Amino acid sequence: MLPRVNVAYETYGTLSPAKDNAVLICHALSGDSHVARHDEKDDTGWWEILIGPGKPVDTDRYFVICPNILGGCRGSTGPMSFNPETGARVWC
């Protein structure tokens, strides 16, 4: 049991007032939550070709959420995380 976890995520676009335009993008274990650039100065995302203004998953129309899975590290609780109750690594 993990009493508390961190989940990193990134969002793109704007959630509509009706909250009916959300798209959840999940990744394989080798990915992370950085699916696309937020602006021209940002690093390239792993699905850059499909997500962004005017692309198939159009962030001018959709609110995209991409969470990082548990164990995937890069901001989410994973093998290198510490248990806050014991100070030991979560998984060793």
N, C-alpha and C. Protein backbone atom coordinates (compact mmCIF):
# COMPACT_ATOMS: atom_id res chain seq x y z
N MET A 1 0.84 -1.17 0.00
CA MET A 1 0.00 0.00 0.00
C MET A 1 0.89 1.23 0.00
N LEU A 2 0.51 2.19 -0.81
CA LEU A 2 1.19 3.48 -0.84
C LEU A 2 0.23 4.52 -0.26
N PRO A 3 0.51 5.02 0.93
CA PRO A 3 -0.43 5.94 1.57
C PRO A 3 -0.53 7.28 0.86
N ARG A 4 0.50 7.62 0.09
CA ARG A 4 0.51 8.92 -0.58
C ARG A 4 1.40 8.81 -1.80
N VAL A 5 0.94 9.30 -2.94
CA VAL A 5 1.74 9.26 -4.16
C VAL A 5 1.72 10.63 -4.84
N ASN A 6 2.72 10.87 -5.65
CA ASN A 6 2.77 12.05 -6.51
C ASN A 6 2.52 11.59 -7.94
N VAL A 7 1.72 12.34 -8.67
CA VAL A 7 1.50 12.05 -10.09
C VAL A 7 1.79 13.33 -10.86
N ALA A 8 2.84 13.28 -11.68
CA ALA A 8 3.17 14.41 -12.54
C ALA A 8 2.22 14.39 -13.73
N TYR A 9 1.87 15.57 -14.22
CA TYR A 9 1.01 15.65 -15.40
C TYR A 9 1.25 16.98 -16.09
N GLU A 10 0.89 17.04 -17.35
CA GLU A 10 0.91 18.29 -18.09
C GLU A 10 -0.43 18.46 -18.77
N THR A 11 -0.84 19.71 -18.94
CA THR A 11 -2.08 20.01 -19.64
C THR A 11 -1.80 20.97 -20.79
N TYR A 12 -2.68 20.92 -21.77
CA TYR A 12 -2.57 21.75 -22.97
C TYR A 12 -3.96 22.22 -23.34
N GLY A 13 -4.09 23.45 -23.80
CA GLY A 13 -5.39 23.97 -24.18
C GLY A 13 -6.15 24.47 -22.97
N THR A 14 -7.45 24.72 -23.19
CA THR A 14 -8.30 25.29 -22.15
C THR A 14 -9.54 24.41 -21.96
N LEU A 15 -9.85 24.11 -20.71
CA LEU A 15 -11.06 23.36 -20.41
C LEU A 15 -12.27 24.26 -20.64
N SER A 16 -13.25 23.76 -21.36
CA SER A 16 -14.45 24.54 -21.67
C SER A 16 -15.29 24.73 -20.40
N PRO A 17 -16.14 25.77 -20.38
CA PRO A 17 -17.02 25.98 -19.22
C PRO A 17 -17.89 24.75 -18.93
N ALA A 18 -18.30 24.03 -19.96
CA ALA A 18 -19.11 22.83 -19.76
C ALA A 18 -18.27 21.62 -19.39
N LYS A 19 -16.95 21.75 -19.43
CA LYS A 19 -16.00 20.68 -19.11
C LYS A 19 -16.22 19.44 -19.98
N ASP A 20 -16.52 19.67 -21.25
CA ASP A 20 -16.82 18.57 -22.17
C ASP A 20 -15.81 18.42 -23.30
N ASN A 21 -14.64 19.02 -23.15
CA ASN A 21 -13.65 18.94 -24.23
C ASN A 21 -12.32 18.32 -23.78
N ALA A 22 -12.33 17.58 -22.68
CA ALA A 22 -11.10 16.99 -22.15
C ALA A 22 -10.73 15.71 -22.90
N VAL A 23 -9.45 15.57 -23.17
CA VAL A 23 -8.90 14.37 -23.82
C VAL A 23 -7.77 13.88 -22.93
N LEU A 24 -7.83 12.61 -22.54
CA LEU A 24 -6.79 11.99 -21.72
C LEU A 24 -5.84 11.24 -22.63
N ILE A 25 -4.56 11.59 -22.57
CA ILE A 25 -3.53 10.90 -23.35
C ILE A 25 -2.64 10.15 -22.36
N CYS A 26 -2.57 8.84 -22.48
CA CYS A 26 -1.71 8.03 -21.61
C CYS A 26 -0.50 7.54 -22.41
N HIS A 27 0.55 7.23 -21.71
CA HIS A 27 1.78 6.82 -22.37
C HIS A 27 2.24 5.44 -21.94
N ALA A 28 3.15 4.89 -22.72
CA ALA A 28 3.78 3.62 -22.37
C ALA A 28 4.80 3.86 -21.26
N LEU A 29 5.34 2.82 -20.70
CA LEU A 29 6.30 2.96 -19.60
C LEU A 29 7.53 3.79 -19.97
N SER A 30 7.87 3.84 -21.23
CA SER A 30 9.07 4.57 -21.64
C SER A 30 8.84 6.06 -21.83
N GLY A 31 7.59 6.51 -21.73
CA GLY A 31 7.28 7.91 -21.96
C GLY A 31 7.23 8.70 -20.67
N ASP A 32 6.72 9.89 -20.78
CA ASP A 32 6.47 10.75 -19.63
C ASP A 32 5.30 11.65 -19.96
N SER A 33 5.04 12.62 -19.13
CA SER A 33 3.87 13.48 -19.32
C SER A 33 4.10 14.61 -20.32
N HIS A 34 5.30 14.72 -20.85
CA HIS A 34 5.60 15.81 -21.80
C HIS A 34 5.30 15.35 -23.22
N VAL A 35 4.04 15.44 -23.60
CA VAL A 35 3.57 14.92 -24.88
C VAL A 35 3.81 15.89 -26.04
N ALA A 36 3.88 17.21 -25.74
CA ALA A 36 4.07 18.20 -26.81
C ALA A 36 4.66 19.48 -26.20
N ARG A 37 5.14 20.33 -27.06
CA ARG A 37 5.66 21.64 -26.62
C ARG A 37 4.51 22.51 -26.13
N HIS A 38 4.81 23.34 -25.15
CA HIS A 38 3.85 24.35 -24.69
C HIS A 38 4.04 25.65 -25.46
N ASP A 39 5.26 25.88 -25.95
CA ASP A 39 5.57 27.04 -26.79
C ASP A 39 6.85 26.73 -27.57
N GLU A 40 7.27 27.65 -28.42
CA GLU A 40 8.42 27.39 -29.30
C GLU A 40 9.74 27.24 -28.55
N LYS A 41 9.82 27.69 -27.31
CA LYS A 41 11.05 27.57 -26.52
C LYS A 41 11.11 26.25 -25.73
N ASP A 42 10.01 25.53 -25.69
CA ASP A 42 9.90 24.29 -24.92
C ASP A 42 10.56 23.13 -25.66
N ASP A 43 10.91 22.08 -24.93
CA ASP A 43 11.45 20.85 -25.53
C ASP A 43 10.37 20.15 -26.34
N THR A 44 10.78 19.44 -27.37
CA THR A 44 9.86 18.65 -28.19
C THR A 44 9.26 17.53 -27.35
N GLY A 45 7.97 17.28 -27.52
CA GLY A 45 7.30 16.20 -26.81
C GLY A 45 7.35 14.92 -27.63
N TRP A 46 6.97 13.81 -27.00
CA TRP A 46 7.07 12.51 -27.67
C TRP A 46 5.95 12.26 -28.67
N TRP A 47 4.92 13.09 -28.69
CA TRP A 47 3.85 12.93 -29.68
C TRP A 47 3.56 14.26 -30.34
N GLU A 48 4.61 15.02 -30.56
CA GLU A 48 4.56 16.37 -31.10
C GLU A 48 3.77 16.45 -32.41
N ILE A 49 3.89 15.44 -33.22
CA ILE A 49 3.25 15.45 -34.54
C ILE A 49 1.72 15.45 -34.46
N LEU A 50 1.16 14.99 -33.35
CA LEU A 50 -0.29 14.84 -33.25
C LEU A 50 -1.00 15.83 -32.34
N ILE A 51 -0.25 16.50 -31.45
CA ILE A 51 -0.90 17.33 -30.44
C ILE A 51 -0.42 18.77 -30.54
N GLY A 52 -1.38 19.68 -30.67
CA GLY A 52 -1.08 21.10 -30.73
C GLY A 52 -2.09 21.84 -31.59
N PRO A 53 -1.98 23.15 -31.66
CA PRO A 53 -2.92 23.93 -32.46
C PRO A 53 -2.93 23.48 -33.93
N GLY A 54 -4.14 23.18 -34.45
CA GLY A 54 -4.29 22.77 -35.83
C GLY A 54 -3.88 21.34 -36.14
N LYS A 55 -3.45 20.59 -35.15
CA LYS A 55 -3.05 19.19 -35.35
C LYS A 55 -4.25 18.28 -35.05
N PRO A 56 -4.12 16.95 -35.31
CA PRO A 56 -5.26 16.06 -35.09
C PRO A 56 -5.89 16.17 -33.69
N VAL A 57 -5.10 16.28 -32.65
CA VAL A 57 -5.62 16.58 -31.32
C VAL A 57 -5.36 18.08 -31.12
N ASP A 58 -6.31 18.87 -31.57
CA ASP A 58 -6.18 20.33 -31.67
C ASP A 58 -6.36 20.98 -30.30
N THR A 59 -5.30 21.55 -29.77
CA THR A 59 -5.37 22.17 -28.45
C THR A 59 -6.07 23.53 -28.46
N ASP A 60 -6.45 24.01 -29.64
CA ASP A 60 -7.33 25.19 -29.70
C ASP A 60 -8.77 24.76 -29.46
N ARG A 61 -9.04 23.47 -29.59
CA ARG A 61 -10.39 22.92 -29.42
C ARG A 61 -10.51 22.04 -28.17
N TYR A 62 -9.47 21.26 -27.88
CA TYR A 62 -9.49 20.29 -26.79
C TYR A 62 -8.58 20.69 -25.64
N PHE A 63 -8.95 20.24 -24.45
CA PHE A 63 -8.12 20.36 -23.25
C PHE A 63 -7.47 18.99 -23.05
N VAL A 64 -6.18 18.92 -23.24
CA VAL A 64 -5.44 17.66 -23.19
C VAL A 64 -4.77 17.51 -21.83
N ILE A 65 -4.94 16.35 -21.23
CA ILE A 65 -4.29 16.01 -19.97
C ILE A 65 -3.43 14.78 -20.23
N CYS A 66 -2.15 14.86 -19.85
CA CYS A 66 -1.27 13.71 -20.00
C CYS A 66 -0.57 13.45 -18.66
N PRO A 67 -1.05 12.45 -17.91
CA PRO A 67 -0.42 12.12 -16.64
C PRO A 67 0.76 11.17 -16.85
N ASN A 68 1.70 11.24 -15.95
CA ASN A 68 2.79 10.28 -15.92
C ASN A 68 2.34 9.13 -15.02
N ILE A 69 2.55 7.91 -15.43
CA ILE A 69 2.09 6.77 -14.63
C ILE A 69 2.97 6.56 -13.40
N LEU A 70 2.40 5.90 -12.40
CA LEU A 70 3.19 5.54 -11.23
C LEU A 70 4.29 4.57 -11.65
N GLY A 71 5.46 4.76 -11.12
CA GLY A 71 6.59 3.90 -11.47
C GLY A 71 7.34 4.41 -12.67
N GLY A 72 6.78 5.37 -13.37
CA GLY A 72 7.42 5.93 -14.54
C GLY A 72 8.45 6.99 -14.21
N CYS A 73 8.56 7.32 -12.95
CA CYS A 73 9.45 8.39 -12.47
C CYS A 73 9.14 9.69 -13.19
N ARG A 74 10.13 10.49 -13.43
CA ARG A 74 9.96 11.81 -14.07
C ARG A 74 8.85 12.61 -13.41
N GLY A 75 8.83 12.61 -12.10
CA GLY A 75 7.88 13.41 -11.34
C GLY A 75 6.83 12.62 -10.60
N SER A 76 6.51 11.43 -11.05
CA SER A 76 5.55 10.58 -10.34
C SER A 76 6.30 9.64 -9.40
N THR A 77 5.59 9.16 -8.40
CA THR A 77 6.18 8.21 -7.46
C THR A 77 6.68 6.99 -8.22
N GLY A 78 7.91 6.61 -7.96
CA GLY A 78 8.52 5.48 -8.64
C GLY A 78 9.59 4.83 -7.78
N PRO A 79 10.41 3.97 -8.37
CA PRO A 79 11.40 3.20 -7.62
C PRO A 79 12.40 4.04 -6.82
N MET A 80 12.66 5.25 -7.24
CA MET A 80 13.63 6.09 -6.54
C MET A 80 12.98 7.01 -5.52
N SER A 81 11.67 6.94 -5.37
CA SER A 81 10.96 7.79 -4.40
C SER A 81 11.18 7.27 -2.99
N PHE A 82 11.02 8.16 -2.04
CA PHE A 82 11.15 7.80 -0.63
C PHE A 82 9.79 7.72 0.03
N ASN A 83 9.63 6.73 0.91
CA ASN A 83 8.44 6.61 1.72
C ASN A 83 8.53 7.69 2.80
N PRO A 84 7.58 8.64 2.86
CA PRO A 84 7.69 9.72 3.84
C PRO A 84 7.59 9.26 5.29
N GLU A 85 7.01 8.08 5.52
CA GLU A 85 6.87 7.57 6.89
C GLU A 85 8.13 6.89 7.39
N THR A 86 8.89 6.23 6.49
CA THR A 86 10.05 5.47 6.92
C THR A 86 11.37 6.07 6.44
N GLY A 87 11.32 6.91 5.41
CA GLY A 87 12.55 7.45 4.84
C GLY A 87 13.24 6.49 3.89
N ALA A 88 12.70 5.27 3.77
CA ALA A 88 13.29 4.25 2.87
C ALA A 88 12.72 4.43 1.46
N ARG A 89 13.42 3.88 0.49
CA ARG A 89 12.93 3.89 -0.88
C ARG A 89 11.59 3.16 -0.93
N VAL A 90 10.69 3.61 -1.79
CA VAL A 90 9.38 2.99 -1.92
C VAL A 90 9.52 1.55 -2.37
N TRP A 91 10.27 1.35 -3.45
CA TRP A 91 10.53 0.00 -3.97
C TRP A 91 12.03 -0.17 -4.10
N CYS A 92 12.53 -1.25 -3.63
CA CYS A 92 13.97 -1.51 -3.76
C CYS A 92 14.21 -2.83 -4.44
